[in-house]
């Protein structure tokens, strides 16, 4: 048996660590948050994307042998992750 309680007021939630929209200046939106830029996260994301794409290229080169090893060129897209 399930019970539902409906209230007329919004739920009060604790402050979120996610970025908050502070101002809207025309078409530009400014975000303020507690997490800054991280080069190590960027390098890790690039590395994981590279490994995923190289795995995909290996599978595609085995599956479609007429194209051959040209599938490995898709790993050049990993810095754009």
Foldseek 3Di string as FASTA:
>chain_A
DDDDDDDPDDDDDDDDQDWDFDDDDDPDTDTDGDDDDDVVVLVVQLVVQLVVQCVVLVVVCVVDVVVHNPSNVVSVCSNVD
